[in-house]
Protein backbone atom coordinates (compact mmCIF):
# COMPACT_ATOMS: atom_id res chain seq x y z
CA MET A 1 0.00 0.00 0.00
CA LYS A 2 2.83 2.37 0.90
CA ALA A 3 4.59 1.62 -2.37
CA ARG A 4 1.42 2.39 -4.31
CA LEU A 5 1.13 5.69 -2.46
CA VAL A 6 4.71 6.60 -3.41
CA LEU A 7 3.98 5.68 -7.04
CA LEU A 8 0.83 7.80 -7.03
CA VAL A 9 2.66 10.80 -5.55
CA ALA A 10 5.44 10.49 -8.14
CA MET A 11 3.01 10.32 -11.03
CA CYS A 12 0.98 13.28 -9.71
CA SER A 13 4.18 15.31 -9.34
CA ILE A 14 5.14 14.67 -12.95
CA LEU A 15 1.64 15.55 -14.13
CA PHE A 16 1.70 18.74 -12.02
CA ILE A 17 5.01 19.82 -13.55
CA ALA A 18 3.69 19.11 -17.04
CA SER A 19 0.47 21.03 -16.38
CA ALA A 20 2.41 23.95 -14.92
CA GLN A 21 4.54 24.09 -18.05
CA THR A 22 1.40 23.94 -20.19
CA SER A 23 -0.31 26.72 -18.25
CA THR A 24 2.63 29.08 -18.73
CA TYR A 25 3.38 27.96 -22.28
CA GLY A 26 3.12 30.97 -24.52
CA GLN A 27 2.46 33.27 -21.57
CA GLY A 28 5.00 35.34 -19.70
CA LEU A 29 5.32 37.40 -16.53
CA TRP A 30 5.66 41.05 -17.44
CA SER A 31 8.25 43.28 -15.84
CA THR A 32 7.11 46.24 -13.78
CA PRO A 33 6.32 49.03 -16.28
CA ILE A 34 8.88 51.82 -16.39
CA GLU A 35 8.25 55.36 -17.57
CA ILE A 36 10.62 56.15 -20.43
CA SER A 37 9.43 59.68 -21.26
CA PRO A 38 11.14 62.67 -19.57
CA LEU A 39 9.57 64.67 -16.75
CA GLN A 40 7.02 67.18 -18.01
CA TYR A 41 5.00 70.13 -16.86
CA GLY A 42 2.30 68.82 -14.57
CA GLN A 43 4.54 66.22 -12.95
CA VAL A 44 6.73 69.02 -11.57
CA PRO A 45 6.40 72.83 -11.75
CA LEU A 46 7.51 74.36 -15.02
CA GLU A 47 10.40 76.27 -13.43
CA GLN A 48 11.92 73.01 -12.14
CA LEU A 49 12.27 71.47 -15.61
CA GLU A 50 15.61 71.62 -17.41
CA ARG A 51 13.66 71.24 -20.66
CA ARG A 52 10.06 72.41 -20.63
CA TYR A 53 8.47 69.24 -21.97
CA GLY A 54 4.71 69.42 -22.20
CA TRP A 55 3.58 65.92 -23.30
CA SER A 56 4.66 62.46 -24.52
CA TRP A 57 2.31 60.17 -26.46
CA LEU A 58 1.61 58.17 -29.66
CA PRO A 59 4.62 55.78 -29.48
CA ASP A 60 5.87 53.25 -32.00
CA MET A 61 8.60 50.63 -31.57
CA THR A 62 10.91 48.27 -33.42
CA LEU A 63 13.83 46.03 -32.44
CA GLY A 64 17.48 46.08 -33.42
CA PRO A 65 19.20 42.94 -34.76
CA ASP A 66 20.76 42.37 -31.32
CA GLY A 67 17.43 42.60 -29.47
CA SER A 68 17.77 46.27 -28.54
CA VAL A 69 14.50 48.17 -28.29
CA HIS A 70 13.97 51.41 -30.22
CA VAL A 71 10.97 53.61 -29.35
CA VAL A 72 9.87 56.87 -30.98
CA TRP A 73 6.99 59.12 -29.96
CA TYR A 74 5.41 62.54 -30.21
CA GLY A 75 6.73 65.02 -27.66
CA GLY A 76 6.77 68.77 -27.38
CA LEU A 77 8.31 71.78 -25.69
CA ILE A 78 6.35 74.65 -24.17
CA VAL A 79 7.63 77.99 -25.47
CA ASP A 80 6.44 81.58 -25.59
CA GLN A 81 3.45 82.29 -27.80
CA ARG A 82 5.64 84.58 -29.89
CA GLU A 83 7.68 81.48 -30.78
CA GLY A 84 4.64 79.47 -31.81
CA GLY A 85 3.39 78.31 -28.42
CA THR A 86 4.86 74.82 -28.72
CA ILE A 87 7.71 73.09 -30.51
CA ASP A 88 6.72 69.68 -31.88
CA LEU A 89 9.33 66.99 -31.26
CA LEU A 90 10.05 63.47 -32.40
CA MET A 91 11.53 61.74 -29.35
CA TYR A 92 13.66 58.57 -29.14
CA TRP A 93 14.50 56.05 -26.41
CA ARG A 94 16.65 52.92 -26.54
CA ARG A 95 16.89 49.84 -24.35
CA ASN A 96 20.17 48.02 -24.97
CA ALA A 97 20.39 44.28 -25.51
CA ASP A 98 21.83 43.81 -22.00
CA GLY A 99 18.74 45.37 -20.42
CA THR A 100 20.23 48.79 -19.68
CA TRP A 101 18.67 51.86 -21.24
CA GLU A 102 19.60 55.36 -22.21
CA PRO A 103 17.69 58.57 -21.43
CA ALA A 104 15.12 59.88 -23.90
CA ARG A 105 16.53 62.11 -26.63
CA GLU A 106 15.18 64.71 -29.03
CA LEU A 107 15.71 63.54 -32.62
CA ILE A 108 13.81 65.93 -34.85
CA ALA A 109 11.72 69.10 -34.46
CA PRO A 110 9.19 68.69 -37.29
CA GLY A 111 7.41 72.01 -36.67
CA THR A 112 5.63 74.28 -34.23
CA GLY A 113 2.06 74.78 -33.16
CA GLY A 114 1.06 71.40 -31.75
CA TYR A 115 0.63 69.41 -34.98
CA THR A 116 0.36 65.71 -34.08
CA VAL A 117 3.63 63.91 -34.89
CA ARG A 118 2.48 60.38 -35.67
CA THR A 119 5.32 57.92 -36.28
CA ALA A 120 5.99 54.51 -37.83
CA ILE A 121 9.39 52.80 -37.49
CA ALA A 122 10.81 49.54 -38.89
CA LEU A 123 14.20 47.77 -39.03
CA GLY A 124 15.38 47.05 -42.56
CA ARG A 125 17.56 44.19 -43.72
CA ASP A 126 20.16 46.84 -44.54
CA GLY A 127 20.69 47.52 -40.81
CA ASN A 128 18.91 50.87 -40.91
CA LEU A 129 15.96 52.04 -38.88
CA HIS A 130 13.45 53.41 -41.37
CA LEU A 131 11.06 56.04 -40.10
CA LEU A 132 7.91 57.80 -41.27
CA TYR A 133 6.74 60.79 -39.30
CA ARG A 134 4.18 63.54 -39.62
CA ALA A 135 5.65 67.05 -39.89
CA GLY A 136 2.94 69.69 -39.80
CA THR A 137 0.44 67.96 -42.08
CA GLY A 138 3.00 66.29 -44.38
CA ILE A 139 4.51 62.79 -44.26
CA ILE A 140 8.33 62.57 -44.17
CA TYR A 141 10.70 59.59 -44.54
CA THR A 142 14.19 59.31 -43.00
CA HIS A 143 16.59 56.56 -41.90
CA ALA A 144 19.66 55.93 -39.72
CA ASN A 145 21.89 53.00 -38.84
CA TRP A 146 20.25 51.09 -36.00
CA ASN A 147 23.25 51.47 -33.70
CA ASP A 148 23.59 55.23 -34.25
CA ALA A 149 19.90 56.12 -34.12
CA ARG A 150 20.25 58.01 -30.82
CA LYS A 151 22.34 60.65 -32.63
CA PRO A 152 20.19 63.26 -34.42
CA GLN A 153 22.94 63.85 -36.98
CA ALA A 154 22.89 60.15 -37.97
CA TRP A 155 19.47 60.47 -39.58
CA SER A 156 19.26 61.15 -43.30
CA GLU A 157 17.72 64.27 -44.77
CA GLY A 158 13.95 63.91 -44.80
CA ARG A 159 12.15 63.05 -48.03
CA ILE A 160 8.53 64.06 -48.58
CA ILE A 161 6.28 61.04 -49.09
CA SER A 162 3.04 63.04 -49.10
CA ASP A 163 2.12 66.68 -48.67
CA THR A 164 -0.68 65.72 -46.29
CA GLY A 165 -1.68 62.71 -44.19
CA TYR A 166 -2.53 61.50 -40.70
CA TYR A 167 -2.40 57.78 -39.79
CA LEU A 168 0.85 56.00 -40.76
CA ALA A 169 2.14 52.45 -41.26
CA LEU A 170 5.54 51.24 -42.49
CA ALA A 171 7.14 47.84 -43.18
CA ALA A 172 10.50 46.66 -44.52
CA ASP A 173 10.65 43.47 -46.61
CA GLN A 174 13.31 40.78 -47.12
CA THR A 175 14.81 42.30 -50.27
CA GLY A 176 15.42 45.83 -49.03
CA GLY A 177 12.03 47.15 -50.05
CA LEU A 178 9.99 49.59 -47.98
CA HIS A 179 6.21 49.88 -47.92
CA ALA A 180 4.58 53.10 -46.68
CA PHE A 181 0.87 53.61 -46.00
CA TRP A 182 -1.01 56.69 -44.81
CA SER A 183 -4.51 58.09 -44.65
CA ASP A 184 -5.22 61.40 -46.36
CA VAL A 185 -8.27 63.61 -46.75
CA VAL A 186 -9.71 63.68 -50.28
CA THR A 187 -11.26 67.07 -51.02
CA ASP A 188 -13.34 65.85 -53.96
CA ASN A 189 -15.11 63.19 -51.86
CA THR A 190 -18.72 64.39 -51.89
CA ASN A 191 -20.26 61.38 -50.15
CA PRO A 192 -22.93 62.98 -47.90
CA ARG A 193 -22.29 60.28 -45.25
CA CYS A 194 -18.59 61.12 -45.12
CA PHE A 195 -18.03 64.45 -46.83
CA GLY A 196 -14.33 65.10 -47.51
CA CYS A 197 -13.28 61.80 -45.91
CA GLY A 198 -9.88 60.39 -46.73
CA GLU A 199 -8.49 57.33 -48.47
CA LEU A 200 -5.64 54.95 -47.67
CA PHE A 201 -2.62 55.58 -49.91
CA TYR A 202 0.51 53.54 -50.60
CA ARG A 203 4.03 54.00 -51.96
CA ARG A 204 6.94 51.58 -52.12
CA SER A 205 10.71 51.85 -52.45
CA THR A 206 12.95 49.11 -53.86
CA ASP A 207 16.22 50.91 -53.07
CA ASN A 208 16.12 51.47 -49.31
CA GLY A 209 14.20 54.71 -49.51
CA ALA A 210 16.27 56.48 -52.17
CA THR A 211 13.35 56.62 -54.60
CA TRP A 212 9.64 55.93 -54.22
CA SER A 213 6.92 54.69 -56.54
CA PRO A 214 3.96 56.84 -57.60
CA VAL A 215 1.12 57.13 -55.09
CA VAL A 216 -1.52 54.37 -55.21
CA ASN A 217 -5.02 54.70 -53.74
CA LEU A 218 -5.34 51.39 -51.93
CA SER A 219 -8.83 51.79 -50.46
CA GLN A 220 -10.70 53.44 -53.37
CA SER A 221 -13.74 54.11 -51.23
CA ASP A 222 -15.90 57.15 -50.58
CA ASP A 223 -15.85 56.35 -46.85
CA GLY A 224 -13.10 57.24 -44.38
CA GLU A 225 -10.03 55.15 -43.50
CA ASN A 226 -8.37 54.92 -40.09
CA ARG A 227 -5.66 52.94 -38.27
CA PRO A 228 -3.74 50.97 -40.95
CA GLN A 229 -1.54 48.09 -39.74
CA VAL A 230 0.86 46.15 -41.97
CA ARG A 231 2.75 42.85 -41.58
CA LEU A 232 5.04 40.89 -43.93
CA ASP A 233 5.26 37.10 -43.89
CA ALA A 234 8.08 34.63 -44.53
CA PHE A 235 7.22 34.61 -48.24
CA ASN A 236 7.64 38.39 -48.50
CA ARG A 237 3.92 38.92 -48.96
CA ILE A 238 2.39 42.13 -47.62
CA HIS A 239 -0.69 41.93 -45.38
CA ILE A 240 -2.51 45.20 -44.60
CA VAL A 241 -5.65 45.98 -42.57
CA TRP A 242 -7.48 49.19 -41.74
CA ASP A 243 -10.79 50.50 -40.38
CA GLU A 244 -13.25 51.84 -42.92
CA GLY A 245 -16.31 54.05 -42.58
CA ALA A 246 -15.18 56.93 -40.39
CA ASP A 247 -12.46 59.53 -40.78
CA TRP A 248 -11.43 60.90 -37.39
CA TYR A 249 -9.24 63.62 -38.89
CA ALA A 250 -12.04 64.91 -41.14
CA GLY A 251 -14.58 64.44 -38.33
CA GLN A 252 -16.98 62.66 -40.68
CA GLY A 253 -18.54 59.25 -41.21
CA GLN A 254 -19.45 56.28 -39.01
CA PRO A 255 -17.46 53.06 -38.34
CA HIS A 256 -18.48 50.23 -40.67
CA TYR A 257 -15.99 47.36 -41.03
CA GLY A 258 -12.36 46.27 -41.04
CA VAL A 259 -10.63 45.68 -44.38
CA TYR A 260 -7.85 43.23 -45.32
CA ARG A 261 -5.77 43.11 -48.51
CA ARG A 262 -2.61 41.24 -49.50
CA SER A 263 0.07 41.71 -52.13
CA ASP A 264 2.04 38.73 -53.43
CA ASP A 265 4.40 40.73 -55.66
CA GLY A 266 5.92 43.39 -53.46
CA GLY A 267 3.07 45.88 -53.71
CA VAL A 268 2.54 45.87 -57.48
CA THR A 269 -0.91 44.26 -57.29
CA TRP A 270 -3.33 43.57 -54.44
CA THR A 271 -6.02 41.01 -53.70
CA ASP A 272 -9.66 42.05 -53.51
CA PRO A 273 -10.68 43.55 -50.16
CA VAL A 274 -11.97 41.25 -47.41
CA LYS A 275 -14.39 42.98 -45.03
CA PHE A 276 -14.76 42.03 -41.36
CA ARG A 277 -18.08 42.54 -39.56
CA LEU A 278 -19.68 41.20 -36.40
CA PRO A 279 -21.06 37.66 -36.75
CA PRO A 280 -24.86 37.34 -37.21
CA ALA A 281 -25.38 35.97 -33.67
CA ALA A 282 -23.72 39.06 -32.17
CA VAL A 283 -25.82 41.38 -34.36
CA GLN A 284 -29.00 39.60 -33.27
CA ALA A 285 -28.02 39.91 -29.60
CA ILE A 286 -27.44 43.65 -30.06
CA ARG A 287 -30.80 44.01 -31.78
CA GLN A 288 -32.55 42.27 -28.90
CA GLN A 289 -30.68 44.30 -26.31
CA LEU A 290 -31.50 47.64 -27.93
CA GLY A 291 -35.10 46.60 -28.56
CA ASN A 292 -37.33 49.65 -28.10
CA GLU A 293 -34.59 52.08 -29.10
CA LEU A 294 -34.30 50.49 -32.54
CA ARG A 295 -38.06 50.35 -32.99
CA THR A 296 -38.27 54.06 -32.21
CA ASN A 297 -35.22 55.43 -34.01
CA GLY A 298 -34.37 52.73 -36.53
CA GLU A 299 -30.97 51.16 -37.16
CA SER A 300 -29.75 54.12 -39.22
CA ASN A 301 -29.25 56.17 -36.04
CA GLY A 302 -25.54 55.62 -35.38
CA PRO A 303 -23.11 53.03 -36.70
CA PRO A 304 -24.50 49.81 -38.21
CA LEU A 305 -25.13 47.04 -35.69
CA GLU A 306 -22.44 44.90 -37.35
CA ALA A 307 -19.83 47.71 -37.31
CA VAL A 308 -16.31 46.96 -36.04
CA GLN A 309 -13.11 48.95 -35.61
CA GLN A 310 -9.58 48.81 -34.12
CA THR A 311 -8.69 46.06 -36.59
CA ALA A 312 -5.25 44.60 -35.83
CA ILE A 313 -3.25 41.94 -37.71
CA ALA A 314 -0.53 39.34 -37.11
CA VAL A 315 0.96 36.71 -39.44
CA ASP A 316 2.34 33.31 -38.40
CA SER A 317 5.37 31.41 -39.73
CA ALA A 318 3.25 29.77 -42.47
CA GLY A 319 2.06 33.13 -43.76
CA ASN A 320 -1.43 32.80 -42.31
CA PRO A 321 -2.93 36.07 -41.01
CA SER A 322 -5.08 36.56 -37.91
CA VAL A 323 -7.08 39.66 -37.02
CA VAL A 324 -8.62 41.05 -33.86
CA TYR A 325 -11.25 43.78 -33.77
CA ARG A 326 -13.93 45.15 -31.48
CA GLY A 327 -17.66 45.57 -31.91
CA VAL A 328 -18.68 49.21 -32.00
CA ARG A 329 -22.15 48.62 -30.54
CA ASN A 330 -21.44 45.90 -27.97
CA ASP A 331 -17.92 46.46 -26.51
CA ARG A 332 -16.88 42.88 -27.26
CA VAL A 333 -13.62 41.74 -28.87
CA TYR A 334 -13.46 39.23 -31.73
CA PHE A 335 -10.83 37.00 -33.31
CA GLN A 336 -10.74 35.73 -36.88
CA ARG A 337 -8.02 33.84 -38.75
CA SER A 338 -7.16 32.37 -42.13
CA LEU A 339 -5.53 29.00 -42.71
CA ASP A 340 -4.67 29.58 -46.38
CA GLY A 341 -2.69 32.80 -46.42
CA GLY A 342 -5.67 35.15 -46.33
CA ASN A 343 -7.74 33.76 -49.21
CA THR A 344 -10.54 32.47 -46.98
CA TRP A 345 -11.33 33.13 -43.33
CA LEU A 346 -12.80 31.09 -40.50
CA PRO A 347 -15.89 32.53 -38.78
CA ALA A 348 -15.29 35.21 -36.15
CA THR A 349 -15.34 34.13 -32.51
CA GLU A 350 -15.66 36.28 -29.40
CA ILE A 351 -12.56 36.46 -27.21
CA PRO A 352 -13.50 35.35 -23.67
CA TYR A 353 -12.64 36.96 -20.32
CA VAL A 354 -12.38 40.56 -21.59
CA ARG A 355 -14.44 43.54 -22.71
CA ALA A 356 -13.45 46.52 -24.82
CA ARG A 357 -13.43 50.00 -23.35
CA ASN A 358 -16.46 52.17 -24.02
CA ILE A 359 -16.43 53.41 -27.59
CA ASN A 360 -17.17 56.97 -26.38
CA ASP A 361 -14.18 57.03 -24.02
CA ASN A 362 -11.70 57.35 -26.83
CA ASN A 363 -12.05 56.75 -30.56
CA LEU A 364 -8.32 56.75 -31.32
CA ASP A 365 -7.18 53.58 -29.54
CA TYR A 366 -6.01 50.41 -31.31
CA TYR A 367 -4.98 46.83 -30.55
CA SER A 368 -1.67 45.14 -31.30
CA ILE A 369 -1.09 41.43 -32.01
CA ALA A 370 1.96 39.33 -32.90
CA THR A 371 2.96 35.64 -33.14
CA ASP A 372 5.75 33.87 -31.26
CA SER A 373 8.05 30.98 -32.25
CA ALA A 374 5.26 28.45 -31.58
CA ASP A 375 2.76 30.52 -33.63
CA ASN A 376 0.77 31.45 -30.53
CA VAL A 377 -1.06 34.74 -31.10
CA HIS A 378 -0.43 37.46 -28.51
CA LEU A 379 -2.84 40.35 -28.05
CA LEU A 380 -2.30 43.66 -26.27
CA MET A 381 -5.50 45.58 -25.64
CA VAL A 382 -6.91 48.25 -23.36
CA GLY A 383 -10.14 47.17 -21.72
CA PHE A 384 -11.58 45.26 -18.79
CA THR A 385 -11.38 41.72 -17.53
CA GLY A 386 -14.61 39.86 -16.87
CA VAL A 387 -14.68 40.77 -13.17
CA ALA A 388 -13.41 44.35 -13.45
CA ASN A 389 -15.55 47.36 -12.56
CA ILE A 390 -15.99 49.39 -15.73
CA ASP A 391 -16.25 52.56 -13.62
CA ASN A 392 -12.50 52.26 -12.97
CA PRO A 393 -9.83 53.19 -15.52
CA PRO A 394 -9.28 50.36 -18.00
CA ALA A 395 -6.31 48.01 -17.84
CA LEU A 396 -3.56 47.17 -20.33
CA ILE A 397 -4.21 43.47 -20.91
CA HIS A 398 -2.16 40.67 -22.48
CA MET A 399 -3.89 37.57 -23.86
CA THR A 400 -2.58 34.50 -25.70
CA PHE A 401 -4.26 32.21 -28.23
CA ASP A 402 -2.45 28.85 -28.16
CA GLY A 403 -3.95 27.51 -31.39
CA THR A 404 -7.10 26.10 -29.83
CA ARG A 405 -8.18 28.49 -27.06
CA TRP A 406 -7.56 31.86 -25.44
CA LEU A 407 -5.70 31.64 -22.14
CA PRO A 408 -6.82 33.78 -19.19
CA PRO A 409 -5.67 37.41 -19.38
CA ARG A 410 -2.66 38.94 -17.67
CA ILE A 411 -2.83 42.57 -16.59
CA ILE A 412 0.30 44.57 -17.39
CA MET A 413 -0.91 47.86 -15.93
CA GLN A 414 -4.03 48.97 -14.09
CA ASN A 415 -4.12 52.01 -11.81
CA GLU A 416 -5.52 55.52 -11.86
CA LEU A 417 -4.04 56.20 -15.33
CA TYR A 418 -5.68 55.54 -18.70
CA PRO A 419 -3.46 53.40 -20.98
CA GLU A 420 -3.75 53.72 -24.74
CA LEU A 421 -2.22 52.76 -28.12
CA PRO A 422 -0.18 49.68 -27.10
CA ARG A 423 2.50 48.37 -29.44
CA LEU A 424 3.74 44.75 -29.22
CA VAL A 425 6.83 43.30 -30.91
CA ILE A 426 8.55 39.94 -30.37
CA TYR A 427 12.29 39.29 -30.57
CA ASN A 428 13.64 35.84 -31.48
CA GLY A 429 10.15 34.43 -31.12
CA ASN A 430 10.20 34.39 -27.31
CA GLN A 431 10.81 37.91 -25.95
CA LEU A 432 7.78 40.19 -25.73
CA HIS A 433 8.23 43.95 -25.72
CA ALA A 434 5.39 46.40 -25.13
CA VAL A 435 5.18 50.17 -25.24
CA TRP A 436 2.15 52.41 -24.69
CA PHE A 437 1.18 55.79 -23.34
CA THR A 438 -1.14 56.86 -20.54
CA ARG A 439 -3.41 59.82 -19.95
CA SER A 440 -3.76 61.19 -16.42
CA GLN A 441 -7.42 61.82 -17.13
CA LEU A 442 -9.81 60.51 -19.74
CA PHE A 443 -10.93 63.86 -21.12
CA GLU A 444 -8.80 66.98 -21.26
CA SER A 445 -9.72 69.98 -19.15
CA ASN A 446 -9.30 73.67 -19.93
CA ARG A 447 -8.36 74.46 -16.32
CA ASP A 448 -4.64 75.00 -15.68
CA ASN A 449 -4.72 73.12 -12.38
CA GLU A 450 -5.98 70.02 -14.20
CA ARG A 451 -3.39 69.87 -16.93
CA PRO A 452 -3.45 66.36 -18.50
CA ILE A 453 -0.22 64.41 -18.33
CA HIS A 454 0.76 62.01 -21.15
CA GLN A 455 3.53 59.51 -20.35
CA ILE A 456 5.27 56.71 -22.30
CA TRP A 457 5.70 53.29 -20.62
CA TYR A 458 7.63 50.11 -21.43
CA SER A 459 7.52 46.50 -20.19
CA THR A 460 8.93 43.15 -21.32
CA ALA A 461 8.26 39.43 -20.76
CA GLN A 462 10.21 36.25 -21.48
CA LEU A 463 8.28 33.28 -22.89
CA ASN A 464 8.99 29.64 -22.09
CA LEU A 465 9.59 28.89 -25.77
CA PRO A 466 12.55 28.15 -28.05
CA ALA A 467 14.13 31.06 -29.88
CA ARG A 468 13.46 31.65 -33.56
CA PRO A 469 16.13 34.07 -34.77
CA GLY A 470 15.23 36.52 -37.50
CA LEU A 471 16.86 36.97 -40.87
CA PRO A 472 20.45 38.27 -40.91
CA LEU A 473 21.28 41.74 -42.15
CA PHE A 474 22.58 42.16 -45.68
CA THR A 475 23.37 44.88 -48.19
CA PRO A 476 20.40 44.84 -50.53
CA THR A 477 20.47 45.83 -54.16
CA PRO A 478 17.45 47.09 -56.10
CA LEU A 479 15.51 44.24 -57.69
CA PRO A 480 13.01 44.27 -60.54
CA ALA A 481 9.38 43.78 -59.59
CA THR A 482 8.45 40.14 -58.97
CA PRO A 483 5.89 38.77 -61.46
CA THR A 484 2.36 38.82 -60.11
CA ALA A 485 1.45 35.61 -58.31
CA ALA A 486 -2.01 34.09 -58.41
CA ALA A 487 -4.01 34.62 -55.25
CA GLY A 488 -3.30 32.03 -52.61
CA ILE A 489 0.00 30.81 -54.10
CA ALA A 490 2.97 31.46 -51.88
CA ILE A 491 6.07 32.82 -53.57
CA ALA A 492 9.00 30.60 -52.64
CA PRO A 493 12.10 32.52 -51.55
CA VAL A 494 14.92 32.43 -54.08
CA ALA A 495 18.46 31.96 -52.78
CA THR A 496 20.86 34.73 -53.76
CA PRO A 497 24.51 33.66 -54.31
CA ILE A 498 26.96 35.46 -52.05
CA ALA A 499 30.53 36.08 -53.17
CA LEU A 500 32.74 35.05 -50.23
CA PRO A 501 36.15 36.68 -49.67
CA ASP A 502 39.20 34.53 -50.53
CA GLU A 503 40.19 34.01 -46.89
CA ALA A 504 36.77 32.61 -46.13
CA ARG A 505 36.45 30.54 -49.30
CA ASN A 506 39.92 28.97 -48.88
CA ALA A 507 39.75 28.46 -45.12
CA PRO A 508 40.37 24.87 -43.86
CA ALA A 509 37.41 22.81 -42.67
CA LEU A 510 36.51 23.08 -38.99
CA GLN A 511 37.98 20.31 -36.83
CA GLU A 512 35.45 20.69 -34.01
CA PRO A 513 31.68 21.15 -33.72
CA MET A 514 30.36 24.67 -34.17
CA HIS A 515 29.40 26.35 -30.90
CA TRP A 516 25.76 26.90 -31.81
CA GLU A 517 25.44 23.22 -32.74
CA LEU A 518 27.19 22.12 -29.55
CA LYS A 519 24.80 24.12 -27.38
CA GLY A 520 21.87 22.59 -29.19
CA LEU A 521 23.21 19.06 -28.69
CA GLN A 522 23.86 19.79 -25.01
CA ALA A 523 20.29 21.03 -24.58
CA ILE A 524 18.92 17.94 -26.33
CA GLY A 525 21.11 15.69 -24.17
CA ILE A 526 19.93 17.32 -20.94
CA ALA A 527 16.30 17.03 -22.01
CA LEU A 528 16.75 13.34 -22.92
CA ALA A 529 18.55 12.65 -19.64
CA LEU A 530 15.74 14.20 -17.61
CA THR A 531 13.13 12.31 -19.60
CA MET A 532 14.93 8.96 -19.22
CA THR A 533 15.45 9.61 -15.50
CA GLY A 534 11.74 10.23 -15.03
CA ILE A 535 10.84 7.09 -16.98
CA GLY A 536 13.37 5.10 -14.96
CA ILE A 537 11.94 6.30 -11.63
CA ILE A 538 8.39 5.40 -12.63
CA GLY A 539 9.52 2.06 -14.03
CA GLY A 540 11.44 1.27 -10.83
CA LEU A 541 8.45 2.08 -8.68
CA ILE A 542 6.24 -0.14 -10.82
CA MET A 543 8.76 -3.02 -10.45
CA ILE A 544 8.81 -2.54 -6.65
CA VAL A 545 5.04 -2.67 -6.46
CA ARG A 546 4.85 -5.78 -8.61
CA SER A 547 7.60 -7.55 -6.65
CA ARG A 548 5.82 -6.88 -3.34
CA GLN A 549 2.58 -8.14 -4.80
């Protein structure tokens, strides 16, 4: 009997360890958020500031090839009204690969007067950080070597991508190409539902930003476009999503649906738009909930019942996209994915455990999703968990889809501040990095003693997953446009011969295992040893029980 008890305890211990590993698989404990923006007026009196910073918000982030973190955001200096009232700034912060970080720096002063400096940053295969930013009302492109980006003089002279624009998105592909997207008001749009609303425009560069293609209208709609997000997959295909129906900058229109398009040939041609709406069951539930209001006012009063927004996208290692969006009329969050590269999509499902923030709280927020080395989908969102009181400020929430289900949420930040616009990027497939900003109050006040404070925050988490290193840097050369591929057919990467130097080509063969291979073999050996030890213990206990019987 005692032997059986020992056997039972041993087996339960093994099962507990396995279940613990499963429960944390794809999740991660987030570090305590740190504020990376400099002190500003409101946190301390104006006369105590060395630099009279007035705000910090709208961040974007990318990673260096060594795992360093590079964050840019919109900041500003308070100056005399005779000098314009404010100086708009593009700010920069870096976390080094060893975990240390450097103080925030001023990179560029795009203008004066409080024009929103939206940013989009990406690491290119050429080792440069490529940057789009809004200067006044125009869209400017610049770049700098990733390791010198903290030096303002390292950035190239700005090139005008568009005379006007608001929302931005930027991606760098595997061949040295750049893909820029922005929303822009169209003055000849006479749609009475969205008078003067903008379109989503696109330009590409095949020579690292030296020259750019003509402007392409990617949306071709008489409704407004907001919040573009772009991802590239392992086959160099471009996946883009945006919200359609309303134009925040023009102040016109109503949210309608999310839109997805893909290019298989580097941006030359694009698939037909796919539109995301709430599933019929959700629409019916909204109709029943609103009941008398709809019978009195009709469904035309406000956004359509099936309207969604805050569409976000991620792409897995097989080139399959996933999207997350929120319902406009029901504050629920939905997940939808494709298993064939974006040609067809599975039905939308509601994400459990969480609720979106009230749509009237802020209409500028967005979600951010990314995939890890095991193709788990990670979501950063601002909202509420199932048990949270919606009268409190919302939380910054992390959730993981493990391929079959959504795991319970983890809260990264929840206090008296209002988080917004999270950005999520993953290094080597197992290191999560998040950046976002907070408001000290939900709505701005005109009273001086209630000056709103906008701060930038950063946190990181390590996943219990194997690393999946990214592509190495290289010196790209301009390539001709790839022939258009049929929809749904992945373009296989083509190997490019590399001319090795004589000393490398004529070097003798290695007489010992390579270090990276040796570490891998050691890891495999340790794992096998632990597994065999566990099997041996269980087998020995079974033999003892049988012998006593």
